[in-house]
Protein backbone atom coordinates (compact mmCIF):
# COMPACT_ATOMS: atom_id res chain seq x y z
CA UNK A 1 -2.33 1.76 18.07
CA UNK A 2 0.25 4.23 18.29
CA UNK A 3 0.59 7.26 16.57
CA UNK A 4 3.21 7.47 13.61
CA UNK A 5 2.77 11.17 13.07
CA UNK A 6 1.17 14.19 15.17
CA UNK A 7 0.37 17.59 13.71
CA UNK A 8 -2.24 19.58 12.19
CA UNK A 9 -4.17 19.39 9.08
CA UNK A 10 -4.94 22.67 7.35
CA UNK A 11 -8.14 23.23 6.22
CA UNK A 12 -8.10 26.75 4.74
CA UNK A 13 -7.37 29.29 7.91
CA UNK A 14 -8.96 26.35 10.00
CA UNK A 15 -6.24 23.93 11.58
CA UNK A 16 -7.07 20.59 13.27
CA UNK A 17 -5.05 18.94 15.45
CA UNK A 18 -4.34 15.32 14.47
CA UNK A 19 -2.65 12.33 14.95
CA UNK A 20 -1.88 9.57 12.26
CA UNK A 21 -2.16 5.58 12.74
CA UNK A 22 -1.34 2.89 10.39
CA UNK A 23 -4.77 1.42 8.95
CA UNK A 24 -3.17 -1.86 7.76
CA UNK A 25 -1.31 -4.89 9.31
CA UNK A 26 0.72 -7.48 7.58
CA UNK A 27 -1.61 -10.85 7.30
CA UNK A 28 2.02 -12.94 6.54
CA UNK A 29 3.47 -15.25 8.87
CA UNK A 30 6.18 -13.87 10.68
CA UNK A 31 9.04 -16.29 9.71
CA UNK A 32 12.40 -16.26 11.64
CA UNK A 33 15.95 -16.46 9.51
CA UNK A 34 17.93 -19.23 10.73
CA UNK A 35 21.17 -20.75 9.79
CA UNK A 36 20.92 -23.71 7.43
CA UNK A 37 23.79 -25.56 9.53
CA UNK A 38 22.07 -25.66 12.79
CA UNK A 39 18.90 -23.68 13.20
CA UNK A 40 20.40 -21.23 15.33
CA UNK A 41 18.37 -17.51 14.84
CA UNK A 42 20.26 -14.88 12.48
CA UNK A 43 20.53 -11.52 14.01
CA UNK A 44 21.31 -8.25 12.48
CA UNK A 45 23.55 -5.79 13.92
CA UNK A 46 24.22 -1.92 13.40
CA UNK A 47 27.98 -1.72 13.71
CA UNK A 48 30.90 0.59 13.18
CA UNK A 49 32.48 0.24 10.17
CA UNK A 50 36.01 1.38 11.90
CA UNK A 51 35.63 -0.71 15.26
CA UNK A 52 33.15 -3.32 14.32
CA UNK A 53 31.69 -2.54 17.78
CA UNK A 54 27.79 -2.41 17.88
CA UNK A 55 26.25 0.99 18.32
CA UNK A 56 22.78 2.04 20.25
CA UNK A 57 20.02 3.61 17.95
CA UNK A 58 20.51 6.59 20.70
CA UNK A 59 23.82 6.61 19.25
CA UNK A 60 22.76 6.82 15.40
CA UNK A 61 22.50 10.21 13.30
CA UNK A 62 21.77 10.92 9.62
CA UNK A 63 24.21 12.41 7.19
CA UNK A 64 24.62 13.35 3.38
CA UNK A 65 27.90 13.02 1.75
CA UNK A 66 28.26 16.23 0.02
CA UNK A 67 31.33 17.01 -2.70
CA UNK A 68 33.19 14.24 -0.53
CA UNK A 69 32.28 15.69 3.01
CA UNK A 70 29.75 14.33 5.44
CA UNK A 71 27.65 16.56 6.47
CA UNK A 72 25.93 15.56 9.82
CA UNK A 73 21.73 16.32 10.23
CA UNK A 74 20.03 16.96 13.16
CA UNK A 75 16.54 17.03 14.06
CA UNK A 76 16.49 20.74 14.31
CA UNK A 77 18.08 20.78 10.77
CA UNK A 78 14.76 19.04 9.06
CA UNK A 79 12.85 21.51 10.94
CA UNK A 80 14.85 24.45 9.12
CA UNK A 81 14.09 23.02 5.54
CA UNK A 82 10.51 23.35 6.21
CA UNK A 83 9.11 23.95 9.73
CA UNK A 84 5.66 24.24 8.40
CA UNK A 85 5.30 20.98 6.26
CA UNK A 86 6.92 19.07 9.21
CA UNK A 87 3.95 19.63 11.48
CA UNK A 88 0.98 20.58 8.66
CA UNK A 89 -0.66 18.64 6.13
CA UNK A 90 -2.03 21.36 4.15
CA UNK A 91 -4.91 20.95 1.61
CA UNK A 92 -3.83 22.22 -1.42
CA UNK A 93 -7.41 21.58 -3.69
CA UNK A 94 -10.10 19.23 -3.92
CA UNK A 95 -10.80 17.04 -6.54
CA UNK A 96 -12.81 13.85 -7.35
CA UNK A 97 -11.42 10.39 -6.34
CA UNK A 98 -12.23 8.61 -9.53
CA UNK A 99 -9.93 11.09 -11.48
CA UNK A 100 -6.84 9.73 -9.65
CA UNK A 101 -5.64 6.33 -11.53
CA UNK A 102 -5.32 3.28 -8.90
CA UNK A 103 -1.66 3.11 -9.93
CA UNK A 104 -0.67 6.09 -7.74
CA UNK A 105 -2.24 4.98 -4.52
CA UNK A 106 0.43 3.92 -1.66
CA UNK A 107 -0.36 3.34 1.95
CA UNK A 108 -3.46 4.34 3.91
CA UNK A 109 -3.20 5.69 7.77
CA UNK A 110 -6.36 6.73 9.87
CA UNK A 111 -6.48 10.46 11.10
CA UNK A 112 -7.64 10.57 14.61
CA UNK A 113 -8.47 14.03 15.89
CA UNK A 114 -6.80 15.56 19.26
CA UNK A 115 -9.57 17.04 21.73
CA UNK A 116 -9.16 20.54 20.65
CA UNK A 117 -10.03 19.40 17.18
CA UNK A 118 -12.87 17.53 17.49
CA UNK A 119 -15.51 19.79 16.18
CA UNK A 120 -13.17 20.94 13.26
CA UNK A 121 -12.80 17.53 12.43
CA UNK A 122 -16.31 16.46 12.59
CA UNK A 123 -16.96 19.71 9.89
CA UNK A 124 -14.19 18.55 7.59
CA UNK A 125 -15.43 14.87 7.70
CA UNK A 126 -18.95 16.14 7.00
CA UNK A 127 -17.94 18.57 3.89
CA UNK A 128 -15.53 15.61 2.29
CA UNK A 129 -18.81 13.52 2.32
CA UNK A 130 -21.44 15.64 1.21
CA UNK A 131 -19.08 17.01 -1.71
CA UNK A 132 -18.07 13.57 -2.74
CA UNK A 133 -14.24 15.15 -3.21
CA UNK A 134 -11.35 14.34 -1.68
CA UNK A 135 -8.32 16.79 -0.60
CA UNK A 136 -5.14 16.71 -2.07
CA UNK A 137 -2.10 17.96 0.61
CA UNK A 138 1.56 17.13 0.90
CA UNK A 139 3.17 16.28 4.22
CA UNK A 140 6.61 15.46 5.39
CA UNK A 141 6.85 11.84 7.17
CA UNK A 142 10.60 10.48 8.38
CA UNK A 143 12.27 13.54 6.36
CA UNK A 144 10.70 12.59 3.09
CA UNK A 145 8.22 14.67 1.25
CA UNK A 146 4.83 12.77 0.52
CA UNK A 147 1.72 13.81 -1.61
CA UNK A 148 -1.44 12.24 -0.16
CA UNK A 149 -5.42 12.57 -0.51
CA UNK A 150 -7.88 13.08 2.60
CA UNK A 151 -11.10 11.46 2.15
CA UNK A 152 -14.23 10.54 4.13
CA UNK A 153 -14.42 6.93 5.09
CA UNK A 154 -16.63 4.82 7.38
CA UNK A 155 -17.17 7.64 9.65
CA UNK A 156 -13.22 8.55 9.83
CA UNK A 157 -10.99 10.80 8.03
CA UNK A 158 -8.41 8.64 5.76
CA UNK A 159 -5.27 10.10 4.52
CA UNK A 160 -3.75 7.72 1.83
CA UNK A 161 -0.18 8.45 0.71
CA UNK A 162 -0.01 8.79 -3.19
CA UNK A 163 2.74 8.79 -5.60
CA UNK A 164 4.54 11.20 -7.53
CA UNK A 165 4.02 10.86 -11.39
CA UNK A 166 7.70 10.45 -11.82
CA UNK A 167 7.59 7.53 -9.43
CA UNK A 168 5.54 5.54 -12.10
CA UNK A 169 7.57 3.65 -14.75
CA UNK A 170 6.69 4.59 -18.30
CA UNK A 171 4.86 1.12 -19.98
CA UNK A 172 6.37 2.18 -23.49
CA UNK A 173 9.13 0.12 -22.29
CA UNK A 174 7.13 -3.14 -22.53
CA UNK A 175 6.40 -5.43 -25.59
CA UNK A 176 3.09 -5.55 -25.87
CA UNK A 177 0.68 -7.09 -28.42
CA UNK A 178 -1.24 -4.49 -30.86
CA UNK A 179 -4.63 -3.83 -30.38
CA UNK A 180 -5.14 -5.25 -34.08
CA UNK A 181 -4.66 -8.48 -32.80
CA UNK A 182 -8.08 -8.85 -31.23
CA UNK A 183 -10.84 -10.13 -33.50
CA UNK A 184 -14.40 -9.09 -33.04
CA UNK A 185 -15.80 -12.54 -32.20
CA UNK A 186 -13.29 -13.38 -29.73
CA UNK A 187 -13.78 -9.86 -27.81
CA UNK A 188 -17.59 -10.64 -28.02
CA UNK A 189 -17.27 -13.87 -26.29
CA UNK A 190 -14.89 -12.45 -23.77
CA UNK A 191 -17.44 -9.77 -23.03
CA UNK A 192 -19.72 -12.69 -22.26
CA UNK A 193 -17.35 -14.09 -19.91
CA UNK A 194 -17.15 -11.19 -18.04
CA UNK A 195 -20.53 -10.49 -17.72
CA UNK A 196 -21.12 -13.67 -16.53
CA UNK A 197 -18.52 -13.25 -13.45
CA UNK A 198 -19.62 -10.05 -13.26
CA UNK A 199 -20.70 -9.24 -9.36
CA UNK A 200 -20.62 -6.27 -6.44
CA UNK A 201 -17.55 -5.76 -5.17
CA UNK A 202 -17.22 -7.38 -1.81
CA UNK A 203 -13.52 -7.55 0.16
CA UNK A 204 -14.78 -9.74 3.08
CA UNK A 205 -15.07 -12.52 0.60
CA UNK A 206 -11.21 -13.07 0.22
CA UNK A 207 -9.04 -13.80 2.73
CA UNK A 208 -5.01 -14.55 2.63
CA UNK A 209 -5.45 -18.10 1.50
CA UNK A 210 -1.68 -18.62 1.28
CA UNK A 211 -1.03 -17.84 4.69
CA UNK A 212 -3.44 -19.86 6.27
CA UNK A 213 -2.11 -23.20 3.93
CA UNK A 214 1.50 -22.26 4.89
CA UNK A 215 0.39 -22.37 8.54
CA UNK A 216 -1.24 -25.94 7.72
CA UNK A 217 2.31 -27.23 6.26
CA UNK A 218 4.20 -25.84 9.24
CA UNK A 219 1.34 -27.85 11.86
CA UNK A 220 2.05 -30.91 9.63
CA UNK A 221 5.95 -30.55 9.52
CA UNK A 222 5.59 -30.02 13.54
CA UNK A 223 3.94 -33.28 13.63
CA UNK A 224 6.19 -34.98 11.66
CA UNK A 225 3.32 -35.73 9.20
CA UNK A 226 4.49 -35.97 5.28
CA UNK A 227 3.06 -33.44 3.07
CA UNK A 228 2.59 -33.79 -0.43
CA UNK A 229 2.88 -30.66 -2.92
CA UNK A 230 -0.56 -29.95 -5.04
CA UNK A 231 0.35 -29.94 -8.57
CA UNK A 232 0.14 -27.00 -10.74
CA UNK A 233 -3.10 -27.09 -12.65
CA UNK A 234 -2.47 -25.46 -16.17
CA UNK A 235 -5.82 -24.48 -17.94
CA UNK A 236 -4.47 -22.54 -20.54
CA UNK A 237 -3.47 -24.10 -23.92
CA UNK A 238 -1.58 -22.26 -26.56
CA UNK A 239 -2.30 -24.76 -29.13
CA UNK A 240 -6.10 -25.02 -28.58
CA UNK A 241 -8.19 -22.57 -30.42
CA UNK A 242 -8.95 -19.44 -28.76
CA UNK A 243 -12.55 -19.44 -29.28
CA UNK A 244 -12.74 -22.85 -27.94
CA UNK A 245 -11.34 -21.99 -24.68
CA UNK A 246 -13.58 -18.78 -24.24
CA UNK A 247 -16.59 -21.12 -25.03
CA UNK A 248 -15.86 -23.56 -22.44
CA UNK A 249 -15.34 -20.81 -19.79
CA UNK A 250 -18.88 -20.01 -20.04
CA UNK A 251 -19.70 -23.14 -19.10
CA UNK A 252 -22.84 -22.85 -16.39
CA UNK A 253 -20.88 -24.64 -13.95
CA UNK A 254 -18.17 -21.97 -13.72
CA UNK A 255 -20.69 -19.04 -13.12
CA UNK A 256 -19.18 -17.91 -9.39
CA UNK A 257 -21.63 -18.15 -6.26
């Protein structure tokens, strides 16, 4: 794995030199973009808007238009904005993880200690495990400040980026049914269905079935085989009585293994 960020975690007066690695990988198929006419590959180029010539990555810099003038930013400018935040993940407070709504979670990263930080890393990991707490922190990645939590998981420390409050949209803009529309007997039946399907969470039972099915289609087309698209089976019927549909859902045959 390639490190995405190198710096340190600030735990009180203790600094732990660390590296961040992506904890996720994409399970979708890597599809090529082709020209519909002759199936040639489509390529994207970074070109100068005036000359039309391609620009190499090493010649690309960043800038911000301010009051009609383009202000060019160099690497040292990002450091000057906050030298501490560009190299430090400072734990600001400790909280209970269950207090964080799942809508705030964004991207997880593995935290690996550098050689000089092994002992301090082990201490922080043990303290997080024993306290059942997570550390709330902020850090700068790719010129943007992020909010995150640090927690101990499966013998490692994981940093999980979380969203700021202003990044979540207000559900008040949605057209939602009133709570009064739910009848007591229907709710009782729905609760019975939930209890019937209740189980312990085991993520290993679930696979990316769509990508696997798409791969079967690709292999069949490569062999010149005909493909029959499955018909969508609609189980919900708005005209049918809701209680009858719930009652049918409670059929023992529908009980998950």
